[in-house]
Amino acid sequence: MTRTIVLDLAVGSSRSAADAIEIAAVARDTGVTAVRLLDGDPDDVLDTTVVAAHLAGRFPESHWIVDAPTTHNAPYNLARRVLSLDRATGGRTGLALRAGDGDEVSEATVPDRTATARHRRWAEYAGVLTGLWESFPAAALLGDQATGVFAESTLIKPIDHEGRFYRVAGPLDGPSSPQGRPVLVADARDDLDWADAVALADAVVVSRARAPEAAARLAEAFERVGRRRADIAVLGRVELPADDTTAERTATRLADWAERYDFDGLELVPTGDHDRLLALLRALVPRLGPSGGATLRAALGLPEPIGAGS
């Protein structure tokens, strides 16, 4: 049985760029579905989109999920940055949008200054992102030298969003990628409304602590928003044991855990020193049967997004 296997990776003071290259190479060689680059304190962690661009240049066949919070990231700027990375990697990029606060650009024109709930901000922000990513479909890009027509303007539409947290007109200034738009990931650690996560995200990551409640809450959410279970990937986030020397036993335990909670795959959180981690990945990941595909969306087993141009 194949499963989505995502590997967490934070690059900065605790793990160097050279270490990251070694880990990314092992991830590629063992078939890891995607590497998730974690955001954090700017003094400790490098910008995830910059790291992804660097690693993708070395490993063009790999898939990447970049973390970014709503804090200090204006929706238009983040949408443009991630879509550029998605196009450059041939549709192999996703964004794990983390719930946070606002940004200096948006706060200058914020519609409702009393709106502060992070989970509500996340939902509005996620809707703006998908709208922007679909505002310039690939079919609109003609590049017809004979007629001098660069793009079919009737297919490029502003989103004209005005909500409680953001005013964003759009559209973006570049076309969608081979996977339609970047994969959007929700993280249940952010205490999001389950219905918002199911309605807006392509994948949801569930921590071990929230695994027992996830099945029931997600089932309710799917019914509320009218989406099918197959429309979204649900991943269980689990720490890799630093001192477990039996990869076969660990693989069996993790597979049983994923099956018990109906997870489509696992997000592995590294622990322990660098050399031990590399050895564990080499022994463990192939036993988990990681999935793959030409795009990140395909690797996660997701359908084409509704409304995205091909």
Protein backbone atom coordinates (compact mmCIF):
# COMPACT_ATOMS: atom_id res chain seq x y z
CA MET A 1 0.00 0.00 0.00
CA THR A 2 1.33 3.43 -0.95
CA ARG A 3 1.05 6.39 1.40
CA THR A 4 1.95 10.04 1.27
CA ILE A 5 5.18 10.55 3.23
CA VAL A 6 6.10 14.14 4.05
CA LEU A 7 9.36 14.94 5.83
CA ASP A 8 9.68 18.05 7.99
CA LEU A 9 12.85 20.10 7.57
CA ALA A 10 13.81 23.37 9.29
CA VAL A 11 16.93 25.02 7.87
CA GLY A 12 18.85 27.58 9.88
CA SER A 13 20.80 27.68 13.11
CA SER A 14 19.93 24.12 14.18
CA ARG A 15 20.30 22.50 10.74
CA SER A 16 22.63 23.98 8.15
CA ALA A 17 22.07 24.35 4.43
CA ALA A 18 24.67 21.64 3.86
CA ASP A 19 22.76 19.29 6.18
CA ALA A 20 19.54 20.15 4.36
CA ILE A 21 21.09 19.18 1.03
CA GLU A 22 22.10 15.78 2.43
CA ILE A 23 18.63 15.21 3.88
CA ALA A 24 16.92 16.29 0.65
CA ALA A 25 19.14 13.88 -1.30
CA VAL A 26 18.16 10.99 0.96
CA ALA A 27 14.52 12.04 0.73
CA ARG A 28 14.74 11.91 -3.05
CA ASP A 29 16.57 8.58 -3.10
CA THR A 30 14.15 6.90 -0.69
CA GLY A 31 11.02 8.22 -2.42
CA VAL A 32 9.76 10.72 0.17
CA THR A 33 6.62 12.27 -1.34
CA ALA A 34 7.42 15.85 -0.31
CA VAL A 35 9.73 17.81 1.97
CA ARG A 36 7.97 20.36 4.17
CA LEU A 37 10.19 23.35 4.94
CA LEU A 38 9.24 24.75 8.33
CA ASP A 39 8.92 28.41 9.21
CA GLY A 40 9.98 29.86 12.55
CA ASP A 41 11.89 32.66 14.24
CA PRO A 42 13.75 34.63 11.53
CA ASP A 43 16.85 34.53 13.72
CA ASP A 44 16.77 30.72 13.73
CA VAL A 45 15.17 29.63 10.44
CA LEU A 46 15.82 30.71 6.86
CA ASP A 47 12.97 31.87 4.63
CA THR A 48 11.24 28.73 3.37
CA THR A 49 10.66 29.92 -0.19
CA VAL A 50 14.33 30.80 -0.57
CA VAL A 51 15.38 27.40 0.79
CA ALA A 52 12.87 25.65 -1.49
CA ALA A 53 14.19 27.48 -4.54
CA HIS A 54 17.77 26.51 -3.62
CA LEU A 55 16.94 22.84 -3.01
CA ALA A 56 14.63 22.56 -6.01
CA GLY A 57 17.49 23.65 -8.24
CA ARG A 58 19.52 20.68 -6.98
CA PHE A 59 16.64 18.20 -6.82
CA PRO A 60 14.19 19.12 -9.61
CA GLU A 61 12.28 15.84 -9.33
CA SER A 62 11.35 16.40 -5.66
CA HIS A 63 8.23 18.02 -4.24
CA TRP A 64 8.15 20.87 -1.70
CA ILE A 65 5.73 22.30 0.85
CA VAL A 66 6.76 25.70 2.18
CA ASP A 67 5.47 27.01 5.50
CA ALA A 68 4.43 30.66 5.81
CA PRO A 69 2.30 32.42 8.43
CA THR A 70 -0.27 35.11 7.79
CA THR A 71 1.87 37.31 10.07
CA HIS A 72 4.00 39.77 8.07
CA ASN A 73 2.87 38.23 4.76
CA ALA A 74 0.46 40.21 2.60
CA PRO A 75 -1.78 37.77 0.69
CA TYR A 76 -0.95 39.10 -2.79
CA ASN A 77 2.79 39.02 -2.14
CA LEU A 78 2.74 35.49 -0.73
CA ALA A 79 0.44 34.22 -3.50
CA ARG A 80 2.77 35.61 -6.15
CA ARG A 81 5.91 34.23 -4.49
CA VAL A 82 4.53 30.71 -4.03
CA LEU A 83 3.00 30.56 -7.51
CA SER A 84 6.33 31.63 -9.02
CA LEU A 85 8.00 28.76 -7.17
CA ASP A 86 5.26 26.37 -8.29
CA ARG A 87 5.72 27.32 -11.94
CA ALA A 88 9.51 27.10 -11.66
CA THR A 89 9.28 23.57 -10.21
CA GLY A 90 6.74 22.38 -12.78
CA GLY A 91 3.85 22.09 -10.34
CA ARG A 92 5.77 20.48 -7.49
CA THR A 93 5.07 23.06 -4.77
CA GLY A 94 2.55 23.54 -1.99
CA LEU A 95 2.02 26.04 0.82
CA ALA A 96 1.31 25.20 4.45
CA LEU A 97 -0.46 28.40 5.51
CA ARG A 98 -0.06 28.92 9.25
CA ALA A 99 -2.59 30.96 11.21
CA GLY A 100 -1.19 34.17 12.66
CA ASP A 101 -1.69 37.91 12.74
CA GLY A 102 -1.69 40.60 10.06
CA ASP A 103 0.92 42.38 8.00
CA GLU A 104 1.98 45.98 7.56
CA VAL A 105 0.72 46.24 3.97
CA SER A 106 -2.78 44.94 4.64
CA GLU A 107 -3.21 46.80 7.92
CA ALA A 108 -3.02 50.12 6.07
CA THR A 109 -6.41 49.38 4.47
CA VAL A 110 -7.89 46.71 6.76
CA PRO A 111 -11.71 46.80 6.45
CA ASP A 112 -12.49 45.82 10.06
CA ARG A 113 -9.95 46.76 12.71
CA THR A 114 -11.89 44.84 15.38
CA ALA A 115 -11.32 41.52 13.59
CA THR A 116 -8.56 39.61 15.38
CA ALA A 117 -9.50 35.91 15.50
CA ARG A 118 -6.63 33.98 13.96
CA HIS A 119 -8.73 31.08 12.68
CA ARG A 120 -11.09 33.48 10.92
CA ARG A 121 -8.14 35.37 9.43
CA TRP A 122 -6.71 32.09 8.16
CA ALA A 123 -9.98 31.19 6.42
CA GLU A 124 -10.25 34.53 4.65
CA TYR A 125 -6.58 34.50 3.71
CA ALA A 126 -6.84 30.95 2.29
CA GLY A 127 -9.81 31.97 0.17
CA VAL A 128 -7.89 34.98 -1.17
CA LEU A 129 -4.91 32.77 -2.06
CA THR A 130 -6.93 30.27 -4.07
CA GLY A 131 -8.79 33.09 -5.80
CA LEU A 132 -5.54 34.76 -6.80
CA TRP A 133 -3.95 31.50 -7.94
CA GLU A 134 -6.91 30.88 -10.22
CA SER A 135 -7.19 34.48 -11.48
CA PHE A 136 -4.75 33.95 -14.38
CA PRO A 137 -5.36 30.47 -15.86
CA ALA A 138 -2.63 28.92 -18.00
CA ALA A 139 -5.01 28.86 -20.96
CA ALA A 140 -4.98 32.67 -20.99
CA LEU A 141 -1.27 32.81 -21.81
CA LEU A 142 -1.04 32.84 -25.62
CA GLY A 143 2.35 34.35 -26.47
CA ASP A 144 1.29 34.70 -30.10
CA GLN A 145 4.13 36.53 -31.86
CA ALA A 146 2.28 36.71 -35.18
CA THR A 147 -0.61 38.69 -33.76
CA GLY A 148 1.34 40.33 -30.96
CA VAL A 149 -1.13 39.01 -28.37
CA PHE A 150 0.53 38.04 -25.10
CA ALA A 151 -2.57 36.82 -23.22
CA GLU A 152 -6.32 36.48 -23.60
CA SER A 153 -7.43 39.24 -21.26
CA THR A 154 -11.04 38.03 -20.99
CA LEU A 155 -9.82 34.92 -19.12
CA ILE A 156 -7.83 36.93 -16.56
CA LYS A 157 -10.16 38.20 -13.86
CA PRO A 158 -9.64 40.27 -10.70
CA ILE A 159 -10.94 38.72 -7.51
CA ASP A 160 -12.10 42.07 -6.05
CA HIS A 161 -12.07 40.66 -2.53
CA GLU A 162 -13.20 42.76 0.39
CA GLY A 163 -13.62 40.96 3.70
CA ARG A 164 -13.09 41.66 7.39
CA PHE A 165 -9.30 41.27 7.26
CA TYR A 166 -8.25 42.01 3.69
CA ARG A 167 -8.93 44.06 0.57
CA VAL A 168 -7.32 42.42 -2.46
CA ALA A 169 -8.18 43.29 -6.04
CA GLY A 170 -5.92 41.03 -8.10
CA PRO A 171 -5.45 39.39 -10.50
CA LEU A 172 -1.95 37.95 -10.34
CA ASP A 173 0.51 38.85 -13.07
CA GLY A 174 1.43 35.31 -14.11
CA PRO A 175 -0.33 32.10 -15.17
CA SER A 176 -1.10 28.98 -13.16
CA SER A 177 1.26 26.00 -13.04
CA PRO A 178 0.96 22.49 -14.52
CA GLN A 179 -0.96 21.37 -11.40
CA GLY A 180 -3.54 24.17 -11.71
CA ARG A 181 -2.47 25.96 -8.55
CA PRO A 182 -0.18 25.25 -5.59
CA VAL A 183 -1.42 22.70 -3.06
CA LEU A 184 -2.76 24.44 0.07
CA VAL A 185 -2.12 22.68 3.38
CA ALA A 186 -3.90 23.35 6.70
CA ASP A 187 -2.30 22.43 10.03
CA ALA A 188 -4.68 21.35 12.78
CA ARG A 189 -2.23 22.63 15.42
CA ASP A 190 -3.48 26.12 14.52
CA ASP A 191 -6.92 25.34 16.02
CA LEU A 192 -8.69 26.06 12.76
CA ASP A 193 -12.36 25.43 12.26
CA TRP A 194 -12.49 21.91 10.81
CA ALA A 195 -15.09 23.00 8.26
CA ASP A 196 -12.84 25.84 7.06
CA ALA A 197 -9.89 23.48 6.70
CA VAL A 198 -11.94 20.97 4.71
CA ALA A 199 -13.59 23.60 2.54
CA LEU A 200 -10.44 25.53 1.65
CA ALA A 201 -7.40 23.25 1.91
CA ASP A 202 -6.17 20.40 -0.27
CA ALA A 203 -4.53 18.64 2.67
CA VAL A 204 -4.84 18.70 6.45
CA VAL A 205 -2.07 17.71 8.86
CA VAL A 206 -3.27 16.24 12.17
CA SER A 207 -0.96 16.00 15.17
CA ARG A 208 -0.79 12.86 17.29
CA ALA A 209 -2.59 14.67 20.13
CA ARG A 210 -5.58 15.47 17.90
CA ALA A 211 -5.69 12.15 16.03
CA PRO A 212 -8.44 10.57 18.22
CA GLU A 213 -10.87 13.42 17.50
CA ALA A 214 -9.92 13.96 13.87
CA ALA A 215 -11.97 11.20 12.22
CA ALA A 216 -15.28 12.29 13.75
CA ARG A 217 -14.63 16.02 13.35
CA LEU A 218 -13.52 15.65 9.75
CA ALA A 219 -16.54 13.50 8.88
CA GLU A 220 -18.82 16.21 10.26
CA ALA A 221 -16.89 18.87 8.35
CA PHE A 222 -17.11 17.02 5.03
CA GLU A 223 -20.86 16.75 5.44
CA ARG A 224 -21.19 20.44 6.32
CA VAL A 225 -19.22 21.77 3.34
CA GLY A 226 -20.25 19.18 0.79
CA ARG A 227 -16.82 17.86 -0.14
CA ARG A 228 -15.87 14.24 -0.65
CA ARG A 229 -13.24 12.53 1.47
CA ALA A 230 -11.26 11.83 -1.71
CA ASP A 231 -10.97 15.57 -2.38
CA ILE A 232 -8.49 16.12 0.43
CA ALA A 233 -5.43 14.36 1.86
CA VAL A 234 -5.33 13.85 5.62
CA LEU A 235 -1.88 13.29 7.10
CA GLY A 236 -0.88 12.24 10.60
CA ARG A 237 2.11 14.12 12.04
CA VAL A 238 4.43 11.96 14.14
CA GLU A 239 7.94 12.25 15.55
CA LEU A 240 10.57 9.84 14.29
CA PRO A 241 12.09 7.89 17.18
CA ALA A 242 15.67 8.98 17.73
CA ASP A 243 16.76 5.72 19.34
CA ASP A 244 14.75 3.08 17.49
CA THR A 245 17.14 0.72 15.72
CA THR A 246 14.48 -1.48 14.09
CA ALA A 247 13.11 0.24 11.00
CA GLU A 248 10.79 -2.66 10.21
CA ARG A 249 9.11 -2.43 13.62
CA THR A 250 8.79 1.34 13.33
CA ALA A 251 7.30 1.08 9.83
CA THR A 252 4.72 -1.43 11.03
CA ARG A 253 3.78 0.74 14.00
CA LEU A 254 3.42 3.86 11.90
CA ALA A 255 1.40 2.06 9.22
CA ASP A 256 -0.96 0.67 11.86
CA TRP A 257 -1.40 4.14 13.37
CA ALA A 258 -2.20 5.65 9.97
CA GLU A 259 -4.72 2.93 9.21
CA ARG A 260 -6.39 3.23 12.63
CA TYR A 261 -7.18 6.90 12.04
CA ASP A 262 -7.82 6.65 8.29
CA PHE A 263 -4.86 8.86 7.40
CA ASP A 264 -3.76 9.04 3.77
CA GLY A 265 -0.18 9.35 4.87
CA LEU A 266 2.31 10.54 7.44
CA GLU A 267 4.28 13.67 8.15
CA LEU A 268 7.54 12.65 9.78
CA VAL A 269 9.20 14.98 12.30
CA PRO A 270 12.95 14.31 12.58
CA THR A 271 14.62 13.91 15.97
CA GLY A 272 18.14 12.94 16.96
CA ASP A 273 21.47 13.76 15.38
CA HIS A 274 22.09 14.20 11.67
CA ASP A 275 23.81 10.90 10.85
CA ARG A 276 21.27 8.85 12.79
CA LEU A 277 18.45 10.62 10.98
CA LEU A 278 19.92 9.85 7.57
CA ALA A 279 20.35 6.18 8.48
CA LEU A 280 16.80 5.95 9.80
CA LEU A 281 15.33 7.57 6.69
CA ARG A 282 17.21 5.18 4.42
CA ALA A 283 15.93 2.17 6.34
CA LEU A 284 12.42 3.38 7.16
CA VAL A 285 10.94 5.34 4.25
CA PRO A 286 11.04 2.58 1.60
CA ARG A 287 9.15 0.30 4.01
CA LEU A 288 6.34 2.87 4.26
CA GLY A 289 5.62 2.71 0.51
CA PRO A 290 5.76 6.45 -0.29
CA SER A 291 3.62 7.79 -3.12
CA GLY A 292 4.88 9.87 -6.02
CA GLY A 293 3.72 11.73 -9.10
CA ALA A 294 4.61 14.27 -11.75
CA THR A 295 3.14 17.11 -9.67
CA LEU A 296 2.63 17.51 -5.94
CA ARG A 297 -1.13 17.32 -6.46
CA ALA A 298 -0.75 14.01 -8.28
CA ALA A 299 1.68 12.69 -5.66
CA LEU A 300 -0.90 13.40 -2.94
CA GLY A 301 -3.62 11.66 -4.97
CA LEU A 302 -5.68 14.84 -5.26
CA PRO A 303 -8.11 15.77 -8.03
CA GLU A 304 -7.60 18.80 -10.25
CA PRO A 305 -8.79 21.91 -8.40
CA ILE A 306 -12.19 23.21 -9.43
CA GLY A 307 -11.86 26.43 -11.38
CA ALA A 308 -8.17 26.16 -12.14
CA GLY A 309 -7.16 26.50 -15.75
CA SER A 310 -5.05 23.83 -17.36
